[in-house]
Amino acid sequence: MDIAEPKDFDLEEVDASDPEEACGGEPVTVVVADDHPMWRDAVARDLADGGFVIVGTASDGPSAVRRTIATTPDVLVLDLNLPGIHGVEVCARLTAANVPTRILILSVSGEQQDVLDAVKAGACGYLLKSAAREEFLEAVRRTARGRAVFTPGLAGLVLGEFRRLQNVAGTGDEPPQLTERETEVLKLVATGMGYKEIATQLFISHRTVQNHVQNTLSKLQMHNRVELVRYAISQGLDRD
C-alpha cells in the first residue's frame, strides 16, 4: 500500500538519511519520561545537543501525565515500563484529556502487543531503544510534525492490525453512512490538513469543519483525530 505523505499523520519507518525541518522553524519542546535516571538524563542531553528544548522530565507514570499537561510540549518521549502508571495508561489519559502533545514511545520492547496497545491508546510512534542517536533525533523531529514514526518493521505491523480490525468490523452491520461533506472533510483530514486549512479550501468556517469532524467521530464510534486519520488511511481516502 502506497501511503501519501500527509503533514499531520503518516505511518512511516525511521530513515535518518531523510532529515526534515522542525515545525515552523521553531524549537521543538520535549518532555522525557523514563524511570532509569542515567538513561533519562542521556536522552535529555542528546535532545538538547540536537537543538530541542527540554521542558520537563518524569520518572514515573503519574508525573509524566502531570508534567505533560502542565507544559504541553510538542513531543513526549515515553518509556512503557514506568512505575505508578504504565506507559500505555499514560497515553490513554493524555488522549482522554485532549492534550495536543504527540507521544513517541521509546522502549526496549518490540513485542507486537506492546506496540499495538500503545498506538491504540494514542501514541503516534514507537521506537526501540536500540535505535541510533540520529535515528532517534529524526524520529522526534518527525513526531513533532505529526508524522507517525516507527522502528523498521513496526509500521507494517500497525497498519496490518488496523486493516484487520476494519475487516472484522465490516463483517457485521453496515458501516454508518457519512454525508458527502463529511466524506470530503475526512479525505482532507487524511492528507494531514489542519482544520483552518480545510476551512479555507472548502470555503466554510473553522467551526463547521470541527462540527463535521465531531459528527464523523460519533458515527464511526471513534474518540479522537488520530483514530480518524488511521481509519481514513486504511480506507484509502488519503489517495482519492
Protein backbone atom coordinates (compact mmCIF):
# COMPACT_ATOMS: atom_id res chain seq x y z
CA MET A 1 0.00 0.00 0.00
CA ASP A 2 1.44 3.33 -1.06
CA ILE A 3 0.74 5.97 1.56
CA ALA A 4 0.89 9.66 0.72
CA GLU A 5 2.89 11.96 2.94
CA PRO A 6 0.30 14.00 4.90
CA LYS A 7 1.61 16.83 7.00
CA ASP A 8 -0.26 15.78 10.10
CA PHE A 9 -0.16 11.98 10.18
CA ASP A 10 1.71 9.33 8.28
CA LEU A 11 2.82 5.80 9.05
CA GLU A 12 6.50 5.52 8.21
CA GLU A 13 9.68 3.89 9.33
CA VAL A 14 12.69 5.79 10.60
CA ASP A 15 15.17 6.90 7.95
CA ALA A 16 17.88 9.13 9.33
CA SER A 17 19.05 9.95 5.79
CA ASP A 18 15.91 11.99 5.13
CA PRO A 19 16.06 14.97 7.51
CA GLU A 20 13.24 17.50 7.79
CA GLU A 21 12.93 20.85 9.49
CA ALA A 22 11.10 21.05 12.79
CA CYS A 23 7.64 22.57 13.00
CA GLY A 24 7.57 26.08 11.60
CA GLY A 25 11.26 26.57 12.26
CA GLU A 26 10.57 26.88 15.98
CA PRO A 27 12.49 24.78 18.53
CA VAL A 28 10.67 21.56 19.37
CA THR A 29 9.77 21.23 23.06
CA VAL A 30 10.03 17.82 24.70
CA VAL A 31 9.25 16.03 27.97
CA VAL A 32 11.24 12.85 28.63
CA ALA A 33 9.68 10.15 30.84
CA ASP A 34 11.80 7.19 31.90
CA ASP A 35 12.38 5.56 35.28
CA HIS A 36 16.11 4.99 34.76
CA PRO A 37 17.93 8.22 35.74
CA MET A 38 21.04 7.62 33.67
CA TRP A 39 19.06 6.76 30.55
CA ARG A 40 16.64 9.65 31.10
CA ASP A 41 19.50 12.12 31.51
CA ALA A 42 21.30 10.76 28.45
CA VAL A 43 18.18 11.08 26.29
CA ALA A 44 17.55 14.61 27.52
CA ARG A 45 21.17 15.53 26.86
CA ASP A 46 21.09 14.14 23.33
CA LEU A 47 17.91 16.06 22.63
CA ALA A 48 19.34 19.31 24.00
CA ASP A 49 22.52 18.84 21.96
CA GLY A 50 20.30 18.28 18.91
CA GLY A 51 18.56 21.63 19.33
CA PHE A 52 15.43 20.51 21.16
CA VAL A 53 14.15 22.29 24.27
CA ILE A 54 13.59 20.05 27.29
CA VAL A 55 10.69 21.46 29.29
CA GLY A 56 10.47 18.64 31.82
CA THR A 57 11.39 15.09 32.78
CA ALA A 58 9.48 12.41 34.67
CA SER A 59 10.48 9.24 36.47
CA ASP A 60 7.06 7.60 36.78
CA GLY A 61 3.66 7.47 35.10
CA PRO A 62 1.77 9.98 37.26
CA SER A 63 4.48 12.62 36.92
CA ALA A 64 4.62 12.02 33.17
CA VAL A 65 0.92 12.83 32.94
CA ARG A 66 1.17 15.88 35.20
CA ARG A 67 4.20 17.41 33.55
CA THR A 68 2.90 16.85 30.05
CA ILE A 69 -0.40 18.51 30.91
CA ALA A 70 1.40 21.37 32.68
CA THR A 71 3.89 22.11 29.89
CA THR A 72 2.07 20.79 26.77
CA PRO A 73 5.31 20.05 24.90
CA ASP A 74 5.35 19.25 21.20
CA VAL A 75 6.54 15.70 21.98
CA LEU A 76 6.50 13.37 24.96
CA VAL A 77 9.26 10.75 24.72
CA LEU A 78 7.78 7.98 26.83
CA ASP A 79 9.05 4.67 28.17
CA LEU A 80 6.40 1.99 28.58
CA ASN A 81 7.52 0.35 31.81
CA LEU A 82 7.01 3.21 34.23
CA PRO A 83 6.18 2.78 37.92
CA GLY A 84 2.84 4.03 39.16
CA ILE A 85 1.11 4.07 35.78
CA HIS A 86 2.15 2.02 32.76
CA GLY A 87 3.10 3.94 29.64
CA VAL A 88 0.01 2.74 27.78
CA GLU A 89 -2.19 4.21 30.50
CA VAL A 90 -0.22 7.46 30.32
CA CYS A 91 -1.07 7.62 26.61
CA ALA A 92 -4.73 6.88 27.30
CA ARG A 93 -5.03 9.55 29.98
CA LEU A 94 -3.38 12.24 27.87
CA THR A 95 -5.53 11.31 24.88
CA ALA A 96 -8.69 11.42 27.01
CA ALA A 97 -7.64 14.86 28.30
CA ASN A 98 -7.23 16.11 24.69
CA VAL A 99 -3.63 17.13 25.34
CA PRO A 100 -2.17 18.18 21.94
CA THR A 101 1.26 16.70 22.72
CA ARG A 102 2.33 13.93 20.36
CA ILE A 103 3.68 10.81 22.04
CA LEU A 104 6.72 8.86 20.85
CA ILE A 105 7.28 5.58 22.69
CA LEU A 106 10.94 4.74 23.33
CA SER A 107 11.07 1.21 24.68
CA VAL A 108 13.21 -1.92 24.91
CA SER A 109 10.17 -3.99 23.96
CA GLY A 110 9.34 -4.74 20.36
CA GLU A 111 6.55 -7.13 21.28
CA GLN A 112 3.56 -6.88 18.96
CA GLN A 113 1.04 -6.42 21.77
CA ASP A 114 3.05 -3.63 23.41
CA VAL A 115 3.26 -1.76 20.11
CA LEU A 116 -0.43 -2.15 19.27
CA ASP A 117 -1.61 -1.30 22.79
CA ALA A 118 0.46 1.90 22.79
CA VAL A 119 -0.78 3.02 19.37
CA LYS A 120 -4.40 2.23 20.22
CA ALA A 121 -4.02 4.30 23.40
CA GLY A 122 -2.85 7.34 21.43
CA ALA A 123 0.90 7.04 20.79
CA CYS A 124 1.96 8.49 17.44
CA GLY A 125 5.12 6.44 17.04
CA TYR A 126 7.17 3.64 18.50
CA LEU A 127 10.96 3.42 18.56
CA LEU A 128 13.17 0.77 20.10
CA LYS A 129 15.93 1.88 22.48
CA SER A 130 18.43 0.14 20.24
CA ALA A 131 17.94 2.91 17.66
CA ALA A 132 20.96 5.02 16.75
CA ARG A 133 21.16 8.55 18.15
CA GLU A 134 20.45 10.22 14.79
CA GLU A 135 17.51 7.89 14.14
CA PHE A 136 16.08 8.87 17.50
CA LEU A 137 16.52 12.61 16.95
CA GLU A 138 14.96 12.34 13.49
CA ALA A 139 12.05 10.38 14.94
CA VAL A 140 11.39 13.16 17.46
CA ARG A 141 11.52 15.78 14.69
CA ARG A 142 9.04 13.87 12.60
CA THR A 143 6.78 13.15 15.55
CA ALA A 144 6.65 16.89 16.26
CA ARG A 145 5.47 17.39 12.68
CA GLY A 146 2.67 14.90 13.19
CA ARG A 147 4.34 12.02 11.41
CA ALA A 148 3.87 8.56 12.89
CA VAL A 149 7.38 7.11 13.01
CA PHE A 150 8.22 3.50 13.78
CA THR A 151 11.27 1.32 14.10
CA PRO A 152 11.64 -0.62 10.81
CA GLY A 153 9.07 -3.40 10.58
CA LEU A 154 6.64 -1.94 13.11
CA ALA A 155 4.80 0.39 10.70
CA GLY A 156 3.55 -2.57 8.67
CA LEU A 157 2.52 -4.33 11.86
CA VAL A 158 0.38 -1.40 12.99
CA LEU A 159 -1.24 -0.80 9.62
CA GLY A 160 -1.87 -4.51 9.15
CA GLU A 161 -3.63 -4.75 12.50
CA PHE A 162 -5.73 -1.72 11.74
CA ARG A 163 -6.82 -3.21 8.42
CA ARG A 164 -7.68 -6.47 10.19
CA LEU A 165 -9.87 -4.65 12.68
CA GLN A 166 -11.61 -2.82 9.86
CA ASN A 167 -12.26 -6.11 8.05
CA VAL A 168 -13.67 -7.67 11.22
CA ALA A 169 -15.90 -4.67 11.72
CA GLY A 170 -17.02 -4.95 8.11
CA THR A 171 -18.42 -8.45 8.64
CA GLY A 172 -21.16 -7.15 10.91
CA ASP A 173 -23.68 -4.39 10.41
CA GLU A 174 -23.37 -1.94 7.53
CA PRO A 175 -20.98 0.91 8.36
CA PRO A 176 -22.62 4.23 9.17
CA GLN A 177 -23.17 6.44 6.17
CA LEU A 178 -21.27 9.72 6.06
CA THR A 179 -22.68 12.71 4.23
CA GLU A 180 -20.93 13.94 1.11
CA ARG A 181 -19.47 16.88 3.04
CA GLU A 182 -18.33 14.67 5.95
CA THR A 183 -16.54 12.40 3.48
CA GLU A 184 -14.97 15.40 1.79
CA VAL A 185 -13.68 16.71 5.12
CA LEU A 186 -12.45 13.25 6.13
CA LYS A 187 -10.41 12.96 2.93
CA LEU A 188 -8.71 16.28 3.66
CA VAL A 189 -8.08 15.25 7.26
CA ALA A 190 -6.40 12.10 5.89
CA THR A 191 -3.96 14.22 3.87
CA GLY A 192 -2.84 15.91 7.08
CA MET A 193 -4.61 19.25 6.66
CA GLY A 194 -5.48 21.19 9.79
CA TYR A 195 -9.00 22.47 10.41
CA LYS A 196 -8.17 26.00 9.29
CA GLU A 197 -6.62 24.74 6.04
CA ILE A 198 -9.68 22.59 5.37
CA ALA A 199 -12.00 25.53 6.08
CA THR A 200 -10.09 27.69 3.61
CA GLN A 201 -10.12 25.06 0.87
CA LEU A 202 -13.83 24.29 1.25
CA PHE A 203 -14.88 27.90 1.86
CA ILE A 204 -16.55 27.07 5.15
CA SER A 205 -15.90 28.17 8.71
CA HIS A 206 -13.40 26.57 11.09
CA ARG A 207 -16.31 25.77 13.42
CA THR A 208 -18.19 23.98 10.62
CA VAL A 209 -15.15 21.80 9.95
CA GLN A 210 -14.97 20.91 13.64
CA ASN A 211 -18.67 20.02 13.63
CA HIS A 212 -18.23 17.72 10.63
CA VAL A 213 -15.27 16.00 12.29
CA GLN A 214 -17.17 15.53 15.54
CA ASN A 215 -20.17 14.10 13.68
CA THR A 216 -17.89 11.70 11.83
CA LEU A 217 -16.19 10.60 15.05
CA SER A 218 -19.59 9.92 16.56
CA LYS A 219 -20.84 7.92 13.57
CA LEU A 220 -17.67 5.82 13.42
CA GLN A 221 -17.59 5.42 17.21
CA MET A 222 -14.09 6.82 17.44
CA HIS A 223 -12.59 9.05 20.09
CA ASN A 224 -10.02 11.33 18.51
CA ARG A 225 -8.48 12.60 15.30
CA VAL A 226 -5.62 10.09 15.39
CA GLU A 227 -8.10 7.20 15.16
CA LEU A 228 -9.97 9.06 12.43
CA VAL A 229 -6.86 9.51 10.31
CA ARG A 230 -5.87 5.87 10.72
CA TYR A 231 -9.36 4.91 9.56
CA ALA A 232 -9.17 7.22 6.55
CA ILE A 233 -5.74 5.87 5.55
CA SER A 234 -6.91 2.27 5.92
CA GLN A 235 -9.83 3.08 3.60
CA GLY A 236 -7.52 4.66 1.02
CA LEU A 237 -9.13 8.08 1.41
CA ASP A 238 -5.71 9.76 1.52
CA ARG A 239 -5.21 8.78 -2.12
CA ASP A 240 -8.62 9.63 -3.60
